[in-house]
């Protein structure tokens, strides 16, 4: 998933700028379906938030090359 998300943001400068523009904010993928692996439950925030973590890792890699 890390490779896929990195490729997506590498190929799309507009969304890459938006991601980098979040600076050091926490990114939480809210999931109304209750998927507690890739996201977090909208009510209560329970979950591993793996997609949010990957987005923050990708953001950090782009911030370091600017």
C-alpha atoms as a PDB file:
ATOM      1  CA  UNK A   1       0.000   0.000   0.000  1.00  0.00           C
ATOM      2  CA  UNK A   2       2.903   2.343   0.754  1.00  0.00           C
ATOM      3  CA  UNK A   3       4.207   1.858  -2.783  1.00  0.00           C
ATOM      4  CA  UNK A   4       0.783   2.519  -4.318  1.00  0.00           C
ATOM      5  CA  UNK A   5       0.120   5.672  -2.282  1.00  0.00           C
ATOM      6  CA  UNK A   6       3.628   6.975  -3.034  1.00  0.00           C
ATOM      7  CA  UNK A   7       3.084   6.416  -6.760  1.00  0.00           C
ATOM      8  CA  UNK A   8      -0.288   8.172  -6.647  1.00  0.00           C
ATOM      9  CA  UNK A   9       1.120  11.296  -5.040  1.00  0.00           C
ATOM     10  CA  UNK A  10       4.301  11.218  -7.156  1.00  0.00           C
ATOM     11  CA  UNK A  11       2.249  11.301 -10.347  1.00  0.00           C
ATOM     12  CA  UNK A  12      -0.237  13.978  -9.260  1.00  0.00           C
ATOM     13  CA  UNK A  13       1.407  17.293  -8.299  1.00  0.00           C
ATOM     14  CA  UNK A  14      -1.889  18.917  -7.293  1.00  0.00           C
ATOM     15  CA  UNK A  15      -2.800  16.385  -4.642  1.00  0.00           C
ATOM     16  CA  UNK A  16       0.844  16.101  -3.568  1.00  0.00           C
ATOM     17  CA  UNK A  17       0.820  19.840  -2.784  1.00  0.00           C
ATOM     18  CA  UNK A  18      -2.377  19.411  -0.772  1.00  0.00           C
ATOM     19  CA  UNK A  19      -0.850  16.533   1.188  1.00  0.00           C
ATOM     20  CA  UNK A  20       2.364  18.445   1.915  1.00  0.00           C
ATOM     21  CA  UNK A  21       0.224  21.469   2.815  1.00  0.00           C
ATOM     22  CA  UNK A  22      -1.174  19.581   5.783  1.00  0.00           C
ATOM     23  CA  UNK A  23       2.285  20.135   7.313  1.00  0.00           C
ATOM     24  CA  UNK A  24       2.540  18.018  10.466  1.00  0.00           C
ATOM     25  CA  UNK A  25      -1.161  17.563  11.154  1.00  0.00           C
ATOM     26  CA  UNK A  26      -2.444  14.158  12.204  1.00  0.00           C
ATOM     27  CA  UNK A  27      -4.191  12.424   9.297  1.00  0.00           C
ATOM     28  CA  UNK A  28      -7.001  10.083  10.276  1.00  0.00           C
ATOM     29  CA  UNK A  29      -8.890   8.097   7.658  1.00  0.00           C
ATOM     30  CA  UNK A  30     -12.435   8.069   9.016  1.00  0.00           C
ATOM     31  CA  UNK A  31     -14.413   5.025   8.018  1.00  0.00           C
ATOM     32  CA  UNK A  32     -18.155   4.857   8.453  1.00  0.00           C
ATOM     33  CA  UNK A  33     -18.121   1.123   7.640  1.00  0.00           C
ATOM     34  CA  UNK A  34     -16.205   0.271  10.789  1.00  0.00           C
ATOM     35  CA  UNK A  35     -12.949  -0.771   9.091  1.00  0.00           C
ATOM     36  CA  UNK A  36     -10.585  -0.449  12.015  1.00  0.00           C
ATOM     37  CA  UNK A  37      -7.474  -1.539  10.142  1.00  0.00           C
ATOM     38  CA  UNK A  38      -7.187   1.006   7.322  1.00  0.00           C
ATOM     39  CA  UNK A  39      -9.132   3.711   9.107  1.00  0.00           C
ATOM     40  CA  UNK A  40     -10.734   4.643  12.357  1.00  0.00           C
ATOM     41  CA  UNK A  41     -14.362   4.572  13.337  1.00  0.00           C
ATOM     42  CA  UNK A  42     -15.979   7.956  12.900  1.00  0.00           C
ATOM     43  CA  UNK A  43     -17.519   7.672  16.329  1.00  0.00           C
ATOM     44  CA  UNK A  44     -14.845   7.202  18.940  1.00  0.00           C
ATOM     45  CA  UNK A  45     -11.832   7.104  16.629  1.00  0.00           C
ATOM     46  CA  UNK A  46     -10.984   3.471  17.405  1.00  0.00           C
ATOM     47  CA  UNK A  47      -8.746   1.774  14.884  1.00  0.00           C
ATOM     48  CA  UNK A  48      -5.219   1.311  13.592  1.00  0.00           C
ATOM     49  CA  UNK A  49      -5.604   4.046  10.942  1.00  0.00           C
ATOM     50  CA  UNK A  50      -3.032   2.392   8.682  1.00  0.00           C
ATOM     51  CA  UNK A  51      -3.981   4.494   5.647  1.00  0.00           C
ATOM     52  CA  UNK A  52      -3.601   7.672   7.686  1.00  0.00           C
ATOM     53  CA  UNK A  53      -0.192   6.490   8.886  1.00  0.00           C
ATOM     54  CA  UNK A  54       0.890   5.723   5.324  1.00  0.00           C
ATOM     55  CA  UNK A  55      -0.278   9.141   4.135  1.00  0.00           C
ATOM     56  CA  UNK A  56       1.752  10.810   6.888  1.00  0.00           C
ATOM     57  CA  UNK A  57       4.814   8.724   5.949  1.00  0.00           C
ATOM     58  CA  UNK A  58       4.466   9.661   2.272  1.00  0.00           C
ATOM     59  CA  UNK A  59       3.960  13.323   3.234  1.00  0.00           C
ATOM     60  CA  UNK A  60       7.132  13.213   5.307  1.00  0.00           C
ATOM     61  CA  UNK A  61       9.129  11.791   2.400  1.00  0.00           C
ATOM     62  CA  UNK A  62       7.960  14.614   0.128  1.00  0.00           C
ATOM     63  CA  UNK A  63       8.664  17.249   2.780  1.00  0.00           C
ATOM     64  CA  UNK A  64      12.256  16.032   3.105  1.00  0.00           C
ATOM     65  CA  UNK A  65      12.978  16.513  -0.623  1.00  0.00           C
ATOM     66  CA  UNK A  66      11.610  20.052  -0.874  1.00  0.00           C
END
